[in-house]
Protein backbone atom coordinates (compact mmCIF):
# COMPACT_ATOMS: atom_id res chain seq x y z
CA MET A 1 -18.15 -0.75 57.80
CA LYS A 2 -20.32 -2.63 60.35
CA ASN A 3 -19.17 -6.06 59.58
CA LYS A 4 -15.71 -5.55 60.10
CA VAL A 5 -14.79 -7.19 63.46
CA ILE A 6 -12.47 -5.39 66.32
CA LEU A 7 -10.05 -7.52 68.52
CA LEU A 8 -9.23 -5.86 71.74
CA VAL A 9 -6.35 -7.40 73.68
CA GLU A 10 -6.51 -5.75 77.08
CA ASP A 11 -6.45 -7.26 80.68
CA ASN A 12 -7.70 -4.23 82.57
CA PRO A 13 -11.23 -3.92 83.08
CA SER A 14 -11.13 -0.05 83.27
CA ASP A 15 -9.68 -0.02 79.81
CA ILE A 16 -12.19 -1.99 78.58
CA LYS A 17 -15.11 -0.04 79.38
CA LEU A 18 -13.42 3.05 78.47
CA THR A 19 -12.65 1.72 74.87
CA LYS A 20 -16.13 0.19 74.82
CA ARG A 21 -18.04 3.62 75.57
CA ALA A 22 -15.31 5.44 73.54
CA LEU A 23 -16.57 3.06 70.24
CA GLU A 24 -20.44 3.76 71.50
CA GLN A 25 -19.79 7.41 71.74
CA SER A 26 -18.10 7.91 68.22
CA GLN A 27 -21.22 5.38 66.63
CA ILE A 28 -18.70 2.87 65.93
CA THR A 29 -21.07 -0.57 66.12
CA ASN A 30 -18.56 -3.21 65.04
CA GLU A 31 -18.56 -6.31 66.89
CA LEU A 32 -15.79 -5.66 69.47
CA ILE A 33 -14.30 -8.93 70.67
CA VAL A 34 -12.24 -9.02 73.76
CA ALA A 35 -9.56 -11.06 74.62
CA GLU A 36 -8.08 -10.31 78.27
CA ASP A 37 -4.67 -12.21 77.54
CA GLY A 38 -2.36 -13.15 75.19
CA GLY A 39 -2.80 -16.59 75.06
CA GLU A 40 -6.80 -16.00 74.50
CA ALA A 41 -6.22 -13.39 71.60
CA LEU A 42 -3.97 -16.00 69.52
CA ASP A 43 -6.78 -18.64 70.41
CA TYR A 44 -9.14 -16.60 68.63
CA LEU A 45 -6.83 -15.58 66.10
CA PHE A 46 -5.96 -19.06 65.01
CA GLY A 47 -9.04 -20.93 66.03
CA THR A 48 -7.64 -22.75 69.23
CA GLY A 49 -8.64 -23.42 72.81
CA GLN A 50 -12.06 -21.97 73.36
CA TYR A 51 -12.35 -20.63 69.84
CA ALA A 52 -11.70 -24.05 68.37
CA GLY A 53 -13.85 -24.28 65.30
CA ARG A 54 -14.10 -20.73 64.62
CA ASP A 55 -13.68 -19.74 60.85
CA ILE A 56 -10.21 -18.48 61.08
CA ARG A 57 -10.34 -16.94 57.53
CA ILE A 58 -12.47 -14.14 58.93
CA ILE A 59 -10.30 -12.13 60.59
CA PRO A 60 -10.41 -8.47 62.53
CA ALA A 61 -10.22 -5.30 60.69
CA VAL A 62 -7.80 -4.19 63.37
CA VAL A 63 -6.14 -5.49 66.54
CA MET A 64 -5.94 -3.23 69.34
CA LEU A 65 -3.14 -4.90 71.27
CA ASP A 66 -1.59 -3.69 74.99
CA LEU A 67 1.44 -4.91 75.88
CA LYS A 68 1.44 -6.01 79.44
CA LEU A 69 -0.95 -8.82 79.16
CA PRO A 70 -1.03 -12.10 81.49
CA ARG A 71 0.03 -15.10 80.21
CA ILE A 72 1.76 -14.09 76.66
CA ASP A 73 2.78 -10.47 76.99
CA GLY A 74 1.81 -8.16 73.62
CA LEU A 75 5.27 -8.36 71.91
CA GLU A 76 4.89 -11.96 71.75
CA VAL A 77 1.37 -12.15 70.51
CA LEU A 78 2.20 -9.40 67.85
CA LYS A 79 5.60 -12.19 66.89
CA LYS A 80 3.29 -14.95 66.31
CA ILE A 81 0.76 -12.76 64.34
CA ARG A 82 3.28 -11.46 62.39
CA ALA A 83 4.95 -14.94 61.54
CA ASN A 84 1.81 -16.74 60.53
CA GLU A 85 0.69 -16.48 56.87
CA LEU A 86 -2.86 -16.06 57.66
CA THR A 87 -2.29 -12.75 59.90
CA SER A 88 1.34 -11.54 58.71
CA LEU A 89 -0.62 -8.33 57.09
CA LEU A 90 -3.65 -8.05 60.05
CA PRO A 91 -3.30 -4.52 61.25
CA VAL A 92 -2.03 -4.33 64.68
CA VAL A 93 -2.06 -1.15 66.85
CA ILE A 94 -0.57 -1.16 69.84
CA LEU A 95 -2.65 0.70 72.59
CA THR A 96 -0.59 0.68 75.80
CA SER A 97 0.03 3.12 78.54
CA SER A 98 4.05 2.20 77.97
CA ASP A 99 6.21 4.87 77.05
CA GLN A 100 9.59 3.37 77.20
CA GLU A 101 11.75 3.59 73.86
CA LYS A 102 12.59 0.11 74.17
CA ASP A 103 8.78 -0.60 74.07
CA ILE A 104 7.91 1.43 70.95
CA ILE A 105 11.45 0.08 69.29
CA ALA A 106 10.68 -3.32 69.69
CA SER A 107 6.86 -3.13 68.69
CA TYR A 108 7.35 -1.40 65.34
CA LYS A 109 10.49 -3.69 64.63
CA LEU A 110 7.99 -6.96 65.15
CA GLY A 111 6.13 -5.29 62.58
CA ALA A 112 3.48 -2.85 64.58
CA ASN A 113 1.41 -0.76 62.19
CA SER A 114 0.88 1.89 65.11
CA TYR A 115 1.79 2.74 68.60
CA ILE A 116 -0.56 4.84 70.49
CA ARG A 117 0.17 5.45 74.46
CA LYS A 118 -3.19 5.32 76.19
CA PRO A 119 -4.30 8.94 77.18
CA VAL A 120 -4.91 9.09 80.81
CA ASP A 121 -8.38 11.79 80.27
CA PHE A 122 -11.11 10.22 79.12
CA ASN A 123 -11.93 12.77 76.29
CA GLN A 124 -8.41 12.49 74.72
CA PHE A 125 -8.90 8.35 75.10
CA ALA A 126 -12.45 8.70 73.20
CA GLU A 127 -10.87 10.66 70.64
CA ALA A 128 -7.84 8.38 70.11
CA VAL A 129 -10.27 5.35 69.93
CA ARG A 130 -12.87 7.01 67.43
CA THR A 131 -9.58 8.19 65.26
CA LEU A 132 -8.44 4.76 65.36
CA GLY A 133 -11.75 3.54 64.73
CA LEU A 134 -12.55 5.52 61.73
CA TYR A 135 -9.12 5.03 59.81
CA TRP A 136 -8.78 1.46 60.20
CA LEU A 137 -12.34 0.50 59.58
CA LEU A 138 -13.25 2.77 57.00
CA LEU A 139 -10.34 4.63 55.47
CA ASN A 140 -7.56 1.72 55.46
CA GLU A 141 -7.64 -0.38 52.52
CA SER A 142 -6.27 -4.11 53.77
CA PRO A 143 -5.03 -6.29 51.23
CA ARG A 144 -7.79 -9.29 50.33
CA LYS A 145 -5.80 -12.63 50.84
């Protein structure tokens, strides 16, 4: 489980800190890559911009994707992930504060694997992150390309 990377796409510093703390408390020690906007996430996944030259064959085990992001929003990031053969099967979990039905429907239509509304309470948030981590990093079997 340790060598699998998690890509967290989140622009809120408090939520980044909470996610890191929740992973640590759950003893999930996988490398966490943080992209603070949709453009940075796409640069990481496709080896462009500041990530030019990165081996793009090494893809994250899971992407935890917020919807409300600067530059490129989460739905557009998801659309680009699904449109690229390299990342089309990459597990993407929407982790957002939005409970709007239109966001939930759009996320699933674009191929999200899961949609989780961020709990306000830290203990609930930590449990959600722990469960996500254990499922996607330990239990889930992803196709090998």
